[in-house]
Amino acid sequence: MMKNVMIAVMALVLMFSLSNESKAQAYDTGVGLRLGASSGLSVKHFISQDAALEGILHTRWRGLLITGLYEVHRDIEDVDGLNWFYGGGAHIGSWNNSSKYDYDGSTVIGIDGIIGLEYVLEELPLNFSLDFKPAINIINNGGFWGDDFALSVRYIF
């Protein structure tokens, strides 16, 4: 059921985004912290005017994961510096002695989606983003986890 909801949301976002024009991004690279259910380090780098790659090194359930995402950014025209984004990618990592699941530890591999808002400050080299990043583990401890809302604060170059 949750997989169908996630697929439907991503399809709606994709259809909506095809009708929106995008302007140039306000920065090339941002490095900072991501705080949420999975907290860690975030690096985002734009590869074109409206597309970015984001890498996240984060902790979850006493483990460590690496997530790579491809994100499409769209301007919100009524507010300077504000845009929304969506995308997807994958994660790999290891969880140790989780209280959520009854196992001693395992390596997990899965796919991730992301949708959020990002605001770039005009006066300071900072940006803030609020996002929702659901994921599905495909290898080991398979299943959907949709509780990953986070706030990121990045220094931008």
Protein backbone atom coordinates (compact mmCIF):
# COMPACT_ATOMS: atom_id res chain seq x y z
CA MET A 1 0.00 0.00 0.00
CA MET A 2 2.73 2.51 0.97
CA LYS A 3 4.68 1.65 -2.18
CA ASN A 4 1.65 2.55 -4.30
CA VAL A 5 1.21 5.84 -2.43
CA MET A 6 4.89 6.71 -2.94
CA ILE A 7 4.69 5.88 -6.66
CA ALA A 8 1.54 8.00 -7.05
CA VAL A 9 3.08 10.99 -5.27
CA MET A 10 6.25 10.82 -7.36
CA ALA A 11 4.16 10.58 -10.57
CA LEU A 12 2.15 13.67 -9.61
CA VAL A 13 5.31 15.61 -8.78
CA LEU A 14 6.85 14.63 -12.10
CA MET A 15 3.76 15.68 -14.06
CA PHE A 16 3.59 19.03 -12.21
CA SER A 17 7.29 19.70 -12.70
CA LEU A 18 7.12 19.26 -16.46
CA SER A 19 4.95 22.38 -16.66
CA ASN A 20 7.23 24.59 -14.52
CA GLU A 21 10.18 26.51 -15.87
CA SER A 22 13.40 26.67 -13.88
CA LYS A 23 15.92 29.46 -13.46
CA ALA A 24 19.61 29.17 -12.66
CA GLN A 25 20.53 27.88 -9.24
CA ALA A 26 21.85 30.34 -6.64
CA TYR A 27 24.97 28.29 -5.81
CA ASP A 28 27.20 25.50 -7.08
CA THR A 29 27.97 23.41 -3.97
CA GLY A 30 26.64 23.29 -0.41
CA VAL A 31 28.07 21.39 2.57
CA GLY A 32 26.35 21.02 5.93
CA LEU A 33 24.26 19.07 8.41
CA ARG A 34 21.04 17.13 7.90
CA LEU A 35 18.99 16.80 11.08
CA GLY A 36 16.07 14.39 11.35
CA ALA A 37 15.27 10.72 11.76
CA SER A 38 18.51 10.12 9.85
CA SER A 39 21.03 12.77 10.89
CA GLY A 40 24.40 13.34 9.29
CA LEU A 41 26.42 15.23 6.73
CA SER A 42 25.04 16.50 3.43
CA VAL A 43 26.86 17.63 0.28
CA LYS A 44 24.84 18.97 -2.65
CA HIS A 45 26.40 19.90 -5.99
CA PHE A 46 24.56 21.27 -9.02
CA ILE A 47 25.44 19.57 -12.29
CA SER A 48 23.16 21.82 -14.38
CA GLN A 49 20.87 24.81 -13.83
CA ASP A 50 18.07 22.69 -12.40
CA ALA A 51 19.69 19.37 -11.40
CA ALA A 52 21.85 18.48 -8.42
CA LEU A 53 23.55 15.47 -6.90
CA GLU A 54 23.33 15.09 -3.13
CA GLY A 55 25.36 12.74 -0.99
CA ILE A 56 24.34 12.05 2.59
CA LEU A 57 26.43 10.23 5.19
CA HIS A 58 24.00 9.56 8.03
CA THR A 59 23.25 7.44 11.06
CA ARG A 60 20.15 5.42 11.75
CA TRP A 61 19.33 2.63 14.20
CA ARG A 62 22.91 2.49 15.52
CA GLY A 63 24.29 2.16 12.03
CA LEU A 64 25.81 4.17 9.22
CA LEU A 65 24.39 4.70 5.74
CA ILE A 66 25.52 6.43 2.57
CA THR A 67 22.80 7.80 0.31
CA GLY A 68 23.21 9.25 -3.17
CA LEU A 69 20.39 11.28 -4.74
CA TYR A 70 19.66 12.94 -8.07
CA GLU A 71 17.43 16.00 -7.54
CA VAL A 72 15.50 18.26 -9.90
CA HIS A 73 14.98 21.82 -8.62
CA ARG A 74 12.13 24.14 -9.59
CA ASP A 75 11.72 27.80 -8.60
CA ILE A 76 8.77 29.08 -6.62
CA GLU A 77 8.36 32.35 -8.47
CA ASP A 78 6.58 34.32 -5.75
CA VAL A 79 9.52 34.11 -3.29
CA ASP A 80 13.11 34.94 -4.22
CA GLY A 81 15.54 32.22 -3.16
CA LEU A 82 12.84 29.58 -2.58
CA ASN A 83 12.55 26.45 -4.69
CA TRP A 84 11.15 22.97 -4.40
CA PHE A 85 12.85 19.78 -5.47
CA TYR A 86 12.23 16.11 -6.03
CA GLY A 87 14.33 13.14 -6.98
CA GLY A 88 15.55 9.71 -6.15
CA GLY A 89 18.56 7.54 -5.57
CA ALA A 90 19.90 4.68 -3.49
CA HIS A 91 21.46 3.87 -0.13
CA ILE A 92 23.84 1.29 1.29
CA GLY A 93 24.84 0.82 4.89
CA SER A 94 24.88 -1.28 8.00
CA TRP A 95 22.65 -1.28 11.06
CA ASN A 96 23.80 -2.68 14.38
CA ASN A 97 21.62 -4.23 17.06
CA SER A 98 18.50 -2.27 16.18
CA SER A 99 15.74 -1.90 18.71
CA LYS A 100 13.22 -1.60 15.86
CA TYR A 101 14.09 -4.99 14.38
CA ASP A 102 15.28 -8.07 16.21
CA TYR A 103 18.64 -8.80 14.60
CA ASP A 104 22.31 -8.38 15.44
CA GLY A 105 23.20 -6.31 12.39
CA SER A 106 23.18 -6.42 8.64
CA THR A 107 24.13 -4.65 5.48
CA VAL A 108 21.20 -3.00 3.74
CA ILE A 109 20.76 -1.73 0.20
CA GLY A 110 17.73 0.14 -1.03
CA ILE A 111 16.17 2.93 -3.04
CA ASP A 112 15.22 6.41 -1.87
CA GLY A 113 12.92 9.18 -2.98
CA ILE A 114 13.06 12.81 -1.90
CA ILE A 115 10.80 15.85 -2.10
CA GLY A 116 11.31 19.15 -0.33
CA LEU A 117 11.69 22.91 -0.15
CA GLU A 118 14.97 24.81 -0.19
CA TYR A 119 15.66 28.45 0.67
CA VAL A 120 18.90 30.27 -0.16
CA LEU A 121 19.73 33.35 1.92
CA GLU A 122 20.71 36.41 -0.07
CA GLU A 123 22.82 38.04 2.67
CA LEU A 124 24.72 35.00 3.96
CA PRO A 125 26.25 31.99 2.18
CA LEU A 126 23.70 29.59 3.72
CA ASN A 127 20.76 27.56 2.56
CA PHE A 128 18.08 25.68 4.44
CA SER A 129 16.02 22.78 3.20
CA LEU A 130 13.15 20.83 4.64
CA ASP A 131 12.54 17.48 2.99
CA PHE A 132 10.82 14.12 3.16
CA LYS A 133 13.03 11.18 2.12
CA PRO A 134 11.19 7.81 2.16
CA ALA A 135 13.16 4.67 1.42
CA ILE A 136 12.65 1.00 0.68
CA ASN A 137 15.24 -1.59 1.66
CA ILE A 138 15.61 -4.14 -1.11
CA ILE A 139 18.39 -6.28 0.38
CA ASN A 140 18.14 -7.35 4.05
CA ASN A 141 15.40 -6.18 6.37
CA GLY A 142 13.26 -5.27 3.39
CA GLY A 143 10.52 -2.81 3.90
CA PHE A 144 9.38 0.76 3.63
CA TRP A 145 10.41 3.52 6.04
CA GLY A 146 8.65 6.79 5.53
CA ASP A 147 9.48 8.66 8.72
CA ASP A 148 12.52 10.51 7.40
CA PHE A 149 11.68 14.21 7.55
CA ALA A 150 14.74 16.43 7.94
CA LEU A 151 16.05 19.96 8.09
CA SER A 152 19.38 20.63 6.36
CA VAL A 153 21.60 23.66 6.87
CA ARG A 154 24.43 24.08 4.37
CA TYR A 155 27.27 26.53 3.77
CA ILE A 156 27.21 27.34 0.07
CA PHE A 157 30.05 28.05 -2.35
